[in-house]
């Protein structure tokens, strides 16, 4: 790739900037510490890589997510140069708060309601209503009104590339043509045509969650019965629930009923505040409102009840909302309540299905440059290290309780997600190394050290170390074995060669395991030949990111494993590895 691009969006990532650059209809990301501004034309020489697909079951699919936003990939830059500076370099305008509404990015981060603070139809309908009110007082005809709105939406789309603004631009263009040529299309047909046009020009937008949500509600409103308005209080929670599952993998009961109220606050308080904050920047309404919203959610969280339902997939969305329309179309109250009870019954069945026993298996999650693994045994849950992706995976399996959380050592790449786990799950026991301090508070912490190598549980966990203080965080990692579904697993944290030698001297062939979690991400500080000989695995797993500053795994260490003739799984190449019934299941990127 050797061509010019226009800088269309900039995100400050603290240590670097993420730029969206556009050429024709194609948009890409690239990262750089060099500061550019909106509208700069830059020349880039490099290669394009796709974002990673979903490599963790129930996890984030960056490939589909970025395609849904119109991003074709990320550019790995060889050379870059500024060709033509943007006029905005001279103007030096400060960004106005209201410009945030032109993007689909989250404006306020909250646990359960962040999606409400993206650009949404709530925001946009309010702004368009204001415009139409102005047009009314200026006595502007419908035809001109539609044309002006379409042009304004087109300009807004160029600023933020928002899906909802694109929909409004096309919709009002069609309305304008409809009036000019007397086509006599009704609103339902205009919405369908708008949807088809968007899909024709960007079929990947089907992956965009905002697009899905908007059109589910648009088509629901267009095709449902008028009776809906009389019974909407019954139906709103059932409209919201599938999206809570989509975004959060669980149902927050208070949020389910609180979101409609929040929607009104956003429309009549938040959006006007953005307008006031943009026109009168000395009035600091926005930050105060954001703090207020976060306090409300923190208060709600204290009394909240969360539970799982089966998540809708594929055609299930059509069946579900089809039944909602069938419910609304009930000819009389008796039929409505009968169908409503049936819908409640479906919800109860969905909840009961999430309570089915967990099947024994072990999964090494693809977490980049870190470690996370989950063990299901005898319907109990063991988490071994928690860098990222553990919460989403456990929610995907409808887990409420973690029986054991092993934090092999206190480095961030092994415990970044621990606070999130403490907040979302009932953790019975946290197991840590007895020779280091952890920034974790919990009523039941077991510290593994000499003389404390027995958990006394029924899962057959064999604690092997540490048995002395090596005065080194990595060497003080917890080492343990566990037998799951016919295979022995050995987890080693980030131990080094000295600890490996001590384990060999202490346990010898008792280290024998079928599956080895390779120590220290394949670093040359670990994986001695003698240790590998005594463990004698048939499967070895290296948890490592595609591109890391440590250049791991070490080529010489990987060669040792290959020479040993075992199956070597590297998460950077093959994604997560699930072992079930002695079968290996990969989730490649």
Protein backbone atom coordinates (compact mmCIF):
# COMPACT_ATOMS: atom_id res chain seq x y z
CA UNK A 1 0.00 0.00 0.00
CA UNK A 2 1.44 3.35 -1.13
CA UNK A 3 -1.12 6.14 -1.27
CA UNK A 4 -2.56 9.35 0.17
CA UNK A 5 -5.20 9.34 2.91
CA UNK A 6 -7.32 11.98 4.63
CA UNK A 7 -7.35 11.97 8.45
CA UNK A 8 -11.05 11.67 9.33
CA UNK A 9 -11.00 10.83 13.06
CA UNK A 10 -8.52 10.95 15.94
CA UNK A 11 -8.60 9.12 19.28
CA UNK A 12 -6.13 10.02 22.01
CA UNK A 13 -4.95 6.74 23.60
CA UNK A 14 -2.67 8.55 26.11
CA UNK A 15 0.62 7.01 24.92
CA UNK A 16 -0.27 7.24 21.21
CA UNK A 17 -2.99 8.40 18.81
CA UNK A 18 -5.30 6.11 16.86
CA UNK A 19 -6.19 7.65 13.51
CA UNK A 20 -8.97 6.79 11.11
CA UNK A 21 -7.88 7.60 7.58
CA UNK A 22 -10.01 7.50 4.46
CA UNK A 23 -9.36 7.08 0.75
CA UNK A 24 -12.45 6.95 -1.43
CA UNK A 25 -14.91 4.57 0.23
CA UNK A 26 -12.22 2.75 2.22
CA UNK A 27 -11.30 3.59 5.81
CA UNK A 28 -8.44 2.21 7.91
CA UNK A 29 -6.84 2.65 11.30
CA UNK A 30 -3.22 3.31 12.11
CA UNK A 31 -1.45 4.13 15.38
CA UNK A 32 1.24 6.75 15.78
CA UNK A 33 2.79 9.06 18.36
CA UNK A 34 2.99 11.80 15.70
CA UNK A 35 0.16 14.31 16.06
CA UNK A 36 -1.99 15.03 13.00
CA UNK A 37 -5.26 16.97 12.81
CA UNK A 38 -8.61 16.38 11.17
CA UNK A 39 -8.37 16.96 7.41
CA UNK A 40 -4.61 16.40 7.06
CA UNK A 41 -3.67 14.59 3.85
CA UNK A 42 -0.86 12.14 4.58
CA UNK A 43 1.11 9.69 2.46
CA UNK A 44 1.41 6.20 3.92
CA UNK A 45 3.57 3.32 2.81
CA UNK A 46 2.81 0.09 4.63
CA UNK A 47 0.67 -3.04 4.69
CA UNK A 48 -2.90 -3.64 5.81
CA UNK A 49 -3.76 -6.31 8.38
CA UNK A 50 -7.24 -7.48 9.29
CA UNK A 51 -8.39 -7.09 12.86
CA UNK A 52 -8.57 -10.35 14.81
CA UNK A 53 -11.76 -12.37 14.64
CA UNK A 54 -13.48 -13.74 17.72
CA UNK A 55 -10.91 -16.00 19.39
CA UNK A 56 -12.69 -16.39 22.74
CA UNK A 57 -16.17 -18.00 22.83
CA UNK A 58 -18.62 -15.28 23.76
CA UNK A 59 -15.83 -12.72 23.55
CA UNK A 60 -15.22 -9.62 21.47
CA UNK A 61 -14.94 -9.93 17.69
CA UNK A 62 -12.82 -6.94 16.68
CA UNK A 63 -12.93 -8.00 13.00
CA UNK A 64 -16.73 -7.75 12.69
CA UNK A 65 -16.90 -4.76 15.03
CA UNK A 66 -14.48 -2.71 12.93
CA UNK A 67 -16.05 -3.82 9.63
CA UNK A 68 -19.40 -2.69 11.02
CA UNK A 69 -17.87 0.75 11.55
CA UNK A 70 -16.53 0.72 8.00
CA UNK A 71 -12.91 0.06 9.00
CA UNK A 72 -11.29 -2.38 6.56
CA UNK A 73 -8.19 -3.06 8.69
CA UNK A 74 -5.20 -1.56 10.47
CA UNK A 75 -2.19 -0.20 8.58
CA UNK A 76 1.26 -1.31 9.73
CA UNK A 77 3.32 1.67 8.68
CA UNK A 78 6.75 1.58 7.04
CA UNK A 79 6.93 5.30 6.23
CA UNK A 80 4.54 8.20 6.71
CA UNK A 81 4.67 11.87 5.70
CA UNK A 82 2.40 14.91 5.73
CA UNK A 83 1.51 15.89 2.15
CA UNK A 84 -1.02 18.71 2.60
CA UNK A 85 -1.78 20.29 5.99
CA UNK A 86 -5.43 20.71 6.96
CA UNK A 87 -6.94 24.20 7.15
CA UNK A 88 -7.87 23.33 10.74
CA UNK A 89 -4.17 23.63 11.68
CA UNK A 90 -4.45 27.41 11.14
CA UNK A 91 -7.90 27.85 12.66
CA UNK A 92 -6.96 25.96 15.87
CA UNK A 93 -10.57 25.57 16.98
CA UNK A 94 -11.18 23.84 20.28
CA UNK A 95 -13.49 20.82 19.90
CA UNK A 96 -17.06 21.65 20.87
CA UNK A 97 -18.84 19.20 23.20
CA UNK A 98 -21.78 18.88 20.79
CA UNK A 99 -19.42 17.44 18.14
CA UNK A 100 -19.29 14.30 20.28
CA UNK A 101 -22.84 13.62 19.12
CA UNK A 102 -21.59 13.08 15.57
CA UNK A 103 -19.78 9.87 16.56
CA UNK A 104 -20.98 6.45 17.65
CA UNK A 105 -18.41 6.47 20.47
CA UNK A 106 -19.56 6.27 24.08
CA UNK A 107 -19.76 9.71 25.70
CA UNK A 108 -20.09 8.52 29.32
CA UNK A 109 -18.66 5.21 30.55
CA UNK A 110 -21.04 3.44 32.93
CA UNK A 111 -21.42 -0.22 33.77
CA UNK A 112 -24.93 -0.80 32.45
CA UNK A 113 -25.99 2.25 30.47
CA UNK A 114 -22.97 3.24 28.34
CA UNK A 115 -24.89 2.30 25.17
CA UNK A 116 -27.43 5.05 25.92
CA UNK A 117 -24.68 7.64 25.67
CA UNK A 118 -23.64 6.73 22.15
CA UNK A 119 -25.15 8.69 19.30
CA UNK A 120 -28.66 7.33 19.24
CA UNK A 121 -32.05 8.07 17.78
CA UNK A 122 -32.89 9.63 21.17
CA UNK A 123 -30.26 12.33 20.59
CA UNK A 124 -30.88 12.79 16.92
CA UNK A 125 -34.69 12.97 17.01
CA UNK A 126 -34.39 15.71 19.62
CA UNK A 127 -32.00 17.74 17.43
CA UNK A 128 -34.11 17.20 14.29
CA UNK A 129 -37.25 18.17 16.21
CA UNK A 130 -35.54 21.45 17.13
CA UNK A 131 -34.63 22.02 13.48
CA UNK A 132 -38.16 21.25 12.30
CA UNK A 133 -39.56 23.64 14.91
CA UNK A 134 -37.26 26.34 13.52
CA UNK A 135 -38.34 25.49 9.95
CA UNK A 136 -41.98 25.84 11.05
CA UNK A 137 -41.44 29.35 12.38
CA UNK A 138 -39.52 30.26 9.22
CA UNK A 139 -42.40 28.91 7.13
CA UNK A 140 -40.16 26.51 5.17
CA UNK A 141 -42.06 23.96 3.06
CA UNK A 142 -41.71 20.20 3.58
CA UNK A 143 -39.76 19.68 0.36
CA UNK A 144 -37.13 22.26 1.32
CA UNK A 145 -37.16 21.04 4.91
CA UNK A 146 -36.26 17.49 3.82
CA UNK A 147 -33.53 18.70 1.47
CA UNK A 148 -31.89 20.92 4.11
CA UNK A 149 -32.04 18.11 6.69
CA UNK A 150 -30.51 15.62 4.22
CA UNK A 151 -27.65 18.03 3.43
CA UNK A 152 -26.99 18.74 7.13
CA UNK A 153 -27.02 15.01 7.88
CA UNK A 154 -24.61 14.43 4.98
CA UNK A 155 -22.16 16.99 6.37
CA UNK A 156 -22.56 15.46 9.84
CA UNK A 157 -21.84 11.99 8.46
CA UNK A 158 -18.55 13.20 6.94
CA UNK A 159 -17.56 14.46 10.42
CA UNK A 160 -18.31 11.31 12.38
CA UNK A 161 -19.27 8.46 10.01
CA UNK A 162 -22.15 7.57 12.32
CA UNK A 163 -24.54 4.86 11.15
CA UNK A 164 -27.59 6.66 12.51
CA UNK A 165 -26.68 9.92 10.80
CA UNK A 166 -26.15 8.01 7.53
CA UNK A 167 -29.64 6.55 7.93
CA UNK A 168 -31.12 10.03 8.48
CA UNK A 169 -29.24 11.44 5.48
CA UNK A 170 -30.55 8.76 3.13
CA UNK A 171 -34.03 8.77 4.67
CA UNK A 172 -34.54 12.52 4.20
CA UNK A 173 -33.04 12.41 0.71
CA UNK A 174 -35.69 9.81 -0.20
CA UNK A 175 -38.39 11.94 1.47
CA UNK A 176 -37.26 14.91 -0.62
CA UNK A 177 -37.37 12.89 -3.87
CA UNK A 178 -40.69 11.40 -2.78
CA UNK A 179 -42.20 14.90 -2.53
CA UNK A 180 -40.59 16.27 -5.69
CA UNK A 181 -41.65 13.39 -7.94
CA UNK A 182 -44.93 12.52 -6.13
CA UNK A 183 -43.91 8.87 -5.67
CA UNK A 184 -46.28 8.52 -2.69
CA UNK A 185 -44.13 6.15 -0.65
CA UNK A 186 -45.24 5.72 2.95
CA UNK A 187 -42.82 5.83 5.93
CA UNK A 188 -42.55 2.04 6.13
CA UNK A 189 -41.40 1.75 2.52
CA UNK A 190 -38.99 4.67 2.96
CA UNK A 191 -37.41 2.93 5.97
CA UNK A 192 -37.06 -0.36 4.06
CA UNK A 193 -35.53 1.40 1.05
CA UNK A 194 -33.12 3.32 3.32
CA UNK A 195 -32.00 0.08 4.95
CA UNK A 196 -31.45 -1.61 1.57
CA UNK A 197 -29.41 1.33 0.23
CA UNK A 198 -27.14 1.28 3.29
CA UNK A 199 -26.63 -2.48 2.93
CA UNK A 200 -25.87 -2.19 -0.81
CA UNK A 201 -23.16 0.41 -0.26
CA UNK A 202 -21.75 -1.24 2.89
CA UNK A 203 -22.92 -4.85 3.42
CA UNK A 204 -20.52 -5.16 6.38
CA UNK A 205 -22.69 -2.71 8.30
CA UNK A 206 -24.83 -5.72 9.21
CA UNK A 207 -22.16 -6.35 11.89
CA UNK A 208 -22.74 -2.91 13.41
CA UNK A 209 -24.67 -3.24 16.68
CA UNK A 210 -26.05 0.29 16.40
CA UNK A 211 -27.44 -0.52 12.94
CA UNK A 212 -29.08 -3.71 14.27
CA UNK A 213 -30.65 -1.95 17.27
CA UNK A 214 -31.95 0.99 15.23
CA UNK A 215 -33.60 -1.16 12.58
CA UNK A 216 -35.09 -3.62 15.04
CA UNK A 217 -36.88 -0.71 16.68
CA UNK A 218 -37.66 1.05 13.38
CA UNK A 219 -39.28 -2.03 11.85
CA UNK A 220 -40.97 -2.94 15.11
CA UNK A 221 -42.54 0.53 15.26
CA UNK A 222 -43.47 0.43 11.56
CA UNK A 223 -45.13 -2.97 11.56
CA UNK A 224 -46.57 -3.36 15.04
CA UNK A 225 -50.20 -2.68 15.84
CA UNK A 226 -51.51 0.66 17.07
CA UNK A 227 -52.60 -1.21 20.16
CA UNK A 228 -48.95 -1.08 21.23
CA UNK A 229 -49.33 2.46 22.53
CA UNK A 230 -51.93 1.37 25.07
CA UNK A 231 -49.87 -1.56 26.36
CA UNK A 232 -46.35 -0.18 25.95
CA UNK A 233 -45.61 -0.26 29.72
CA UNK A 234 -45.87 -4.06 29.61
CA UNK A 235 -43.71 -4.42 26.53
CA UNK A 236 -40.79 -2.00 27.07
CA UNK A 237 -38.78 -4.38 29.33
CA UNK A 238 -39.15 -7.16 26.72
CA UNK A 239 -37.90 -4.82 23.99
CA UNK A 240 -34.86 -3.83 26.05
CA UNK A 241 -33.92 -7.28 27.46
CA UNK A 242 -32.39 -8.79 24.27
CA UNK A 243 -30.12 -5.78 23.88
CA UNK A 244 -28.95 -5.96 27.49
CA UNK A 245 -28.00 -9.57 26.77
CA UNK A 246 -26.25 -8.52 23.57
CA UNK A 247 -24.22 -5.77 25.26
CA UNK A 248 -23.73 -7.15 28.79
CA UNK A 249 -24.41 -10.91 28.52
CA UNK A 250 -26.79 -10.62 31.49
CA UNK A 251 -29.98 -8.91 32.64
CA UNK A 252 -29.77 -6.13 35.21
CA UNK A 253 -33.28 -6.07 36.68
CA UNK A 254 -33.21 -2.47 37.90
CA UNK A 255 -31.60 -1.24 34.68
CA UNK A 256 -34.33 -3.03 32.73
CA UNK A 257 -36.96 -0.74 34.23
CA UNK A 258 -34.72 2.29 34.78
CA UNK A 259 -33.52 2.67 31.17
CA UNK A 260 -36.83 4.14 29.87
CA UNK A 261 -36.58 6.86 32.54
CA UNK A 262 -32.92 7.45 31.67
CA UNK A 263 -33.85 7.79 28.00
CA UNK A 264 -36.09 10.73 28.85
CA UNK A 265 -33.34 12.34 30.97
CA UNK A 266 -30.87 11.91 28.10
CA UNK A 267 -33.25 13.43 25.58
CA UNK A 268 -34.41 16.39 27.64
CA UNK A 269 -31.39 17.03 29.90
CA UNK A 270 -28.19 15.52 28.46
CA UNK A 271 -28.56 16.60 24.82
CA UNK A 272 -29.68 20.17 25.69
CA UNK A 273 -26.69 20.37 28.06
CA UNK A 274 -24.35 19.46 25.19
CA UNK A 275 -25.90 22.26 23.13
CA UNK A 276 -25.55 24.78 25.98
CA UNK A 277 -22.00 23.57 26.74
CA UNK A 278 -21.04 24.14 23.10
CA UNK A 279 -22.54 27.62 22.83
CA UNK A 280 -21.63 28.72 26.37
CA UNK A 281 -18.45 26.75 27.27
CA UNK A 282 -18.00 28.63 30.57
CA UNK A 283 -21.09 26.81 31.91
CA UNK A 284 -19.76 23.42 33.00
CA UNK A 285 -22.95 21.37 32.87
CA UNK A 286 -21.65 18.31 31.05
CA UNK A 287 -19.09 17.06 33.58
CA UNK A 288 -21.52 17.59 36.47
CA UNK A 289 -24.27 15.64 34.69
CA UNK A 290 -21.84 12.83 33.88
CA UNK A 291 -20.85 12.58 37.57
CA UNK A 292 -24.53 12.61 38.56
CA UNK A 293 -25.35 9.80 36.13
CA UNK A 294 -22.45 7.69 37.43
CA UNK A 295 -23.61 8.23 41.03
CA UNK A 296 -27.12 7.09 40.10
CA UNK A 297 -25.76 3.93 38.56
CA UNK A 298 -23.49 3.27 41.55
CA UNK A 299 -26.54 3.59 43.82
CA UNK A 300 -28.58 1.27 41.59
CA UNK A 301 -25.77 -1.29 41.58
CA UNK A 302 -26.05 -1.75 45.37
CA UNK A 303 -29.63 -3.02 45.10
CA UNK A 304 -29.45 -4.57 41.66
CA UNK A 305 -30.36 -8.17 40.81
CA UNK A 306 -28.59 -9.70 37.81
CA UNK A 307 -29.38 -12.96 36.08
CA UNK A 308 -28.81 -14.73 32.79
CA UNK A 309 -31.14 -15.62 29.92
CA UNK A 310 -30.35 -17.44 26.70
CA UNK A 311 -28.92 -14.88 24.27
CA UNK A 312 -30.72 -14.42 20.95
CA UNK A 313 -28.77 -15.43 17.85
CA UNK A 314 -29.51 -15.25 14.13
CA UNK A 315 -33.10 -16.06 13.24
CA UNK A 316 -34.06 -16.11 16.93
CA UNK A 317 -34.19 -12.28 16.76
CA UNK A 318 -36.86 -12.47 14.04
CA UNK A 319 -38.94 -15.03 15.95
CA UNK A 320 -38.68 -13.05 19.18
CA UNK A 321 -39.74 -9.68 17.79
CA UNK A 322 -42.30 -11.41 15.60
CA UNK A 323 -43.90 -12.73 18.78
CA UNK A 324 -43.76 -9.24 20.34
CA UNK A 325 -45.71 -7.89 17.34
CA UNK A 326 -48.10 -10.86 17.63
CA UNK A 327 -48.57 -9.90 21.29
CA UNK A 328 -49.29 -6.28 20.44
CA UNK A 329 -51.76 -7.31 17.75
CA UNK A 330 -53.97 -9.13 20.26
CA UNK A 331 -57.61 -8.17 19.44
CA UNK A 332 -58.70 -7.78 23.07
CA UNK A 333 -57.33 -7.65 26.61
CA UNK A 334 -57.92 -11.33 27.33
CA UNK A 335 -55.91 -12.42 24.29
CA UNK A 336 -53.18 -9.89 25.12
CA UNK A 337 -52.73 -11.18 28.68
CA UNK A 338 -52.81 -14.80 27.48
CA UNK A 339 -50.01 -14.09 25.00
CA UNK A 340 -48.17 -12.01 27.60
CA UNK A 341 -48.17 -14.95 30.05
CA UNK A 342 -46.79 -17.17 27.26
CA UNK A 343 -43.96 -14.65 26.77
CA UNK A 344 -43.22 -14.72 30.49
CA UNK A 345 -43.17 -18.52 30.30
CA UNK A 346 -40.57 -18.36 27.53
CA UNK A 347 -38.47 -16.12 29.76
CA UNK A 348 -38.67 -18.61 32.64
CA UNK A 349 -37.64 -21.49 30.34
CA UNK A 350 -34.76 -19.38 29.02
CA UNK A 351 -33.60 -18.74 32.59
CA UNK A 352 -33.84 -22.43 33.56
CA UNK A 353 -31.76 -23.45 30.53
CA UNK A 354 -28.88 -21.32 31.84
CA UNK A 355 -28.78 -23.44 35.01
CA UNK A 356 -27.78 -26.67 33.26
CA UNK A 357 -24.60 -28.35 34.66
CA UNK A 358 -21.24 -27.34 33.21
CA UNK A 359 -19.36 -29.95 31.20
CA UNK A 360 -15.80 -30.79 32.30
CA UNK A 361 -13.24 -29.02 30.12
CA UNK A 362 -10.29 -26.62 30.21
CA UNK A 363 -9.81 -23.55 28.03
CA UNK A 364 -6.70 -21.42 27.61
CA UNK A 365 -8.07 -18.04 26.59
CA UNK A 366 -6.50 -15.86 23.93
CA UNK A 367 -5.74 -12.73 25.96
CA UNK A 368 -2.78 -11.25 24.12
CA UNK A 369 0.36 -10.74 26.19
CA UNK A 370 -0.90 -12.25 29.43
CA UNK A 371 -2.50 -15.34 30.93
CA UNK A 372 -6.09 -16.43 31.54
CA UNK A 373 -7.47 -19.97 31.73
CA UNK A 374 -10.77 -21.44 32.94
CA UNK A 375 -11.33 -24.97 34.26
CA UNK A 376 -14.76 -26.56 34.59
CA UNK A 377 -14.67 -29.70 36.75
CA UNK A 378 -17.50 -31.45 38.62
CA UNK A 379 -19.73 -28.41 37.95
CA UNK A 380 -17.23 -26.18 39.75
CA UNK A 381 -15.30 -23.27 38.26
CA UNK A 382 -11.58 -22.60 38.60
CA UNK A 383 -10.02 -19.49 37.05
CA UNK A 384 -6.24 -19.48 36.63
CA UNK A 385 -4.99 -15.91 36.22
CA UNK A 386 -7.15 -13.13 34.83
CA UNK A 387 -5.58 -10.70 32.40
CA UNK A 388 -8.64 -10.12 30.16
CA UNK A 389 -11.60 -11.96 28.57
CA UNK A 390 -12.44 -14.05 31.63
CA UNK A 391 -15.62 -12.13 32.55
CA UNK A 392 -17.11 -12.37 29.06
CA UNK A 393 -16.28 -16.08 28.82
CA UNK A 394 -17.85 -16.91 32.20
CA UNK A 395 -20.97 -14.90 31.41
CA UNK A 396 -21.18 -16.73 28.09
CA UNK A 397 -21.43 -19.93 30.16
CA UNK A 398 -23.93 -18.38 32.62
CA UNK A 399 -21.57 -18.63 35.59
CA UNK A 400 -22.47 -16.90 38.87
CA UNK A 401 -19.81 -18.38 41.17
CA UNK A 402 -16.06 -18.94 40.91
CA UNK A 403 -14.97 -21.66 43.34
CA UNK A 404 -11.24 -20.92 43.07
CA UNK A 405 -9.45 -17.94 41.59
CA UNK A 406 -5.73 -18.69 41.24
CA UNK A 407 -3.54 -15.61 40.81
CA UNK A 408 -0.19 -17.26 40.14
CA UNK A 409 1.69 -14.01 40.81
CA UNK A 410 1.04 -10.29 41.08
CA UNK A 411 2.14 -9.03 37.64
CA UNK A 412 -0.58 -7.05 35.82
CA UNK A 413 -0.61 -9.43 32.84
CA UNK A 414 -1.95 -12.12 35.20
CA UNK A 415 -4.43 -10.13 37.31
CA UNK A 416 -5.65 -7.07 35.40
CA UNK A 417 -9.27 -8.34 35.44
CA UNK A 418 -9.38 -9.47 39.08
CA UNK A 419 -11.33 -6.41 40.31
CA UNK A 420 -13.89 -6.97 37.57
CA UNK A 421 -14.28 -10.62 38.63
CA UNK A 422 -14.74 -9.59 42.26
CA UNK A 423 -17.47 -7.19 41.18
CA UNK A 424 -19.36 -9.58 38.90
CA UNK A 425 -19.04 -13.02 40.53
CA UNK A 426 -19.25 -14.70 43.89
CA UNK A 427 -15.65 -15.86 44.46
CA UNK A 428 -15.39 -18.45 47.22
CA UNK A 429 -11.59 -18.69 47.53
CA UNK A 430 -8.70 -16.72 46.10
CA UNK A 431 -5.40 -18.64 45.93
CA UNK A 432 -2.22 -16.57 45.86
CA UNK A 433 1.50 -17.06 46.34
CA UNK A 434 2.54 -16.77 49.98
CA UNK A 435 5.77 -14.99 49.16
CA UNK A 436 4.46 -11.75 47.64
CA UNK A 437 1.87 -9.06 48.23
CA UNK A 438 -1.26 -8.70 46.10
CA UNK A 439 -3.50 -5.62 45.80
CA UNK A 440 -6.55 -7.78 46.50
CA UNK A 441 -8.99 -7.80 49.42
CA UNK A 442 -11.15 -10.86 50.06
CA UNK A 443 -12.37 -12.66 53.21
CA UNK A 444 -11.00 -16.04 52.08
CA UNK A 445 -7.46 -15.92 50.70
CA UNK A 446 -5.27 -19.03 50.70
CA UNK A 447 -1.53 -18.31 50.55
CA UNK A 448 0.54 -21.07 48.98
CA UNK A 449 3.94 -21.54 50.64
CA UNK A 450 6.02 -24.17 52.43
CA UNK A 451 3.75 -26.15 54.74
CA UNK A 452 0.62 -24.85 53.01
CA UNK A 453 0.37 -27.04 49.92
CA UNK A 454 -3.02 -28.62 50.56
CA UNK A 455 -6.27 -26.91 49.68
CA UNK A 456 -8.24 -29.78 51.17
CA UNK A 457 -10.74 -29.74 48.32
CA UNK A 458 -12.49 -32.50 46.40
CA UNK A 459 -11.21 -31.40 42.97
CA UNK A 460 -7.82 -33.08 43.29
CA UNK A 461 -5.74 -29.88 42.98
CA UNK A 462 -2.09 -30.65 43.78
CA UNK A 463 -0.20 -27.56 44.92
CA UNK A 464 3.51 -27.93 44.10
CA UNK A 465 4.95 -24.54 44.86
CA UNK A 466 6.32 -22.11 45.73
CA UNK A 467 8.01 -23.75 48.72
CA UNK A 468 10.49 -20.95 49.42
CA UNK A 469 10.96 -17.24 48.81
CA UNK A 470 13.02 -16.72 45.66
CA UNK A 471 12.83 -12.94 46.13
CA UNK A 472 11.62 -12.74 42.55
CA UNK A 473 7.99 -12.27 41.51
CA UNK A 474 8.14 -14.67 38.57
CA UNK A 475 9.93 -17.46 40.46
CA UNK A 476 7.45 -17.13 43.33
CA UNK A 477 4.56 -18.05 40.99
CA UNK A 478 2.10 -20.73 42.07
CA UNK A 479 2.65 -24.12 40.39
CA UNK A 480 -0.09 -26.76 40.54
CA UNK A 481 -1.49 -29.85 38.82
CA UNK A 482 -5.07 -30.83 38.23
CA UNK A 483 -6.69 -33.88 36.61
CA UNK A 484 -9.66 -33.01 34.34
CA UNK A 485 -11.57 -35.38 32.06
CA UNK A 486 -8.75 -37.93 31.65
CA UNK A 487 -5.83 -35.48 31.35
CA UNK A 488 -3.30 -34.00 33.80
CA UNK A 489 -2.65 -30.28 33.49
CA UNK A 490 0.39 -28.45 34.89
CA UNK A 491 0.09 -24.69 35.43
CA UNK A 492 3.38 -22.88 35.96
CA UNK A 493 2.81 -19.11 36.03
CA UNK A 494 6.03 -17.33 35.04
CA UNK A 495 8.56 -19.52 36.87
CA UNK A 496 12.20 -19.48 35.74
CA UNK A 497 14.84 -22.17 35.34
CA UNK A 498 15.92 -22.06 39.00
CA UNK A 499 12.38 -22.85 40.16
CA UNK A 500 12.06 -25.52 37.45
CA UNK A 501 15.21 -27.22 38.72
CA UNK A 502 13.92 -27.14 42.31
CA UNK A 503 10.61 -28.67 41.19
CA UNK A 504 12.47 -31.44 39.32
CA UNK A 505 14.62 -32.19 42.41
CA UNK A 506 11.59 -32.18 44.70
CA UNK A 507 9.01 -34.07 42.59
CA UNK A 508 10.89 -35.78 39.75
CA UNK A 509 8.56 -37.77 37.48
CA UNK A 510 5.58 -36.75 39.60
CA UNK A 511 5.60 -33.64 37.42
CA UNK A 512 4.42 -35.82 34.50
CA UNK A 513 1.48 -34.08 32.83
CA UNK A 514 -0.38 -34.33 29.55
CA UNK A 515 -0.82 -30.58 29.13
CA UNK A 516 1.74 -27.94 30.10
CA UNK A 517 1.03 -24.23 30.32
CA UNK A 518 4.45 -23.08 29.05
CA UNK A 519 6.21 -20.96 31.72
CA UNK A 520 6.66 -17.23 31.19
CA UNK A 521 5.10 -17.01 27.72
CA UNK A 522 7.94 -18.96 26.08
CA UNK A 523 10.76 -16.79 27.43
CA UNK A 524 14.34 -18.13 27.43
CA UNK A 525 14.36 -17.64 31.22
CA UNK A 526 12.26 -20.81 31.48
CA UNK A 527 11.52 -24.17 29.80
CA UNK A 528 14.76 -25.99 30.56
CA UNK A 529 15.26 -29.30 28.76
CA UNK A 530 15.42 -31.20 32.08
CA UNK A 531 12.10 -29.71 33.22
CA UNK A 532 10.45 -30.54 29.90
CA UNK A 533 11.80 -34.11 30.11
CA UNK A 534 10.24 -34.67 33.55
CA UNK A 535 6.89 -33.08 32.66
CA UNK A 536 6.84 -35.03 29.36
CA UNK A 537 3.71 -33.32 27.94
CA UNK A 538 1.95 -34.14 24.71
CA UNK A 539 0.40 -30.65 24.52
CA UNK A 540 2.06 -27.33 25.38
CA UNK A 541 0.28 -23.95 25.39
CA UNK A 542 2.02 -20.58 24.97
CA UNK A 543 -0.10 -17.54 25.84
CA UNK A 544 1.37 -14.65 23.88
CA UNK A 545 0.27 -11.71 21.71
CA UNK A 546 0.84 -11.36 17.99
CA UNK A 547 3.06 -8.34 18.41
CA UNK A 548 4.82 -7.76 21.71
CA UNK A 549 7.79 -5.67 22.81
CA UNK A 550 9.42 -8.72 24.44
CA UNK A 551 9.68 -10.64 21.13
CA UNK A 552 8.10 -13.67 22.78
CA UNK A 553 7.99 -16.57 22.41
CA UNK A 554 11.75 -17.04 22.11
CA UNK A 555 12.62 -18.85 18.86
CA UNK A 556 15.16 -21.16 20.52
CA UNK A 557 12.66 -22.17 23.22
CA UNK A 558 9.97 -22.85 20.61
CA UNK A 559 12.46 -24.99 18.69
CA UNK A 560 13.04 -27.07 21.84
CA UNK A 561 9.31 -27.77 22.07
CA UNK A 562 9.08 -28.61 18.38
CA UNK A 563 12.06 -30.95 18.64
CA UNK A 564 10.29 -32.69 21.49
CA UNK A 565 7.54 -33.71 19.05
CA UNK A 566 4.51 -32.42 20.97
CA UNK A 567 1.59 -30.25 19.86
CA UNK A 568 2.56 -26.63 20.52
CA UNK A 569 -0.36 -24.18 20.65
CA UNK A 570 0.43 -20.46 20.41
CA UNK A 571 -2.55 -18.22 21.12
CA UNK A 572 -1.16 -15.50 18.85
CA UNK A 573 -1.59 -17.80 15.85
CA UNK A 574 -4.40 -20.16 16.84
CA UNK A 575 -6.50 -18.20 19.35
CA UNK A 576 -8.00 -19.89 22.39
CA UNK A 577 -7.54 -23.63 22.97
CA UNK A 578 -10.37 -25.64 24.50
CA UNK A 579 -9.72 -29.24 25.55
CA UNK A 580 -12.88 -31.32 25.99
CA UNK A 581 -13.21 -35.11 25.94
CA UNK A 582 -9.50 -35.15 25.00
CA UNK A 583 -10.33 -33.25 21.81
CA UNK A 584 -8.54 -30.00 20.93
CA UNK A 585 -10.79 -27.17 19.75
CA UNK A 586 -9.18 -24.02 18.34
CA UNK A 587 -10.73 -20.58 17.88
CA UNK A 588 -8.35 -19.06 15.30
CA UNK A 589 -8.35 -15.32 14.54
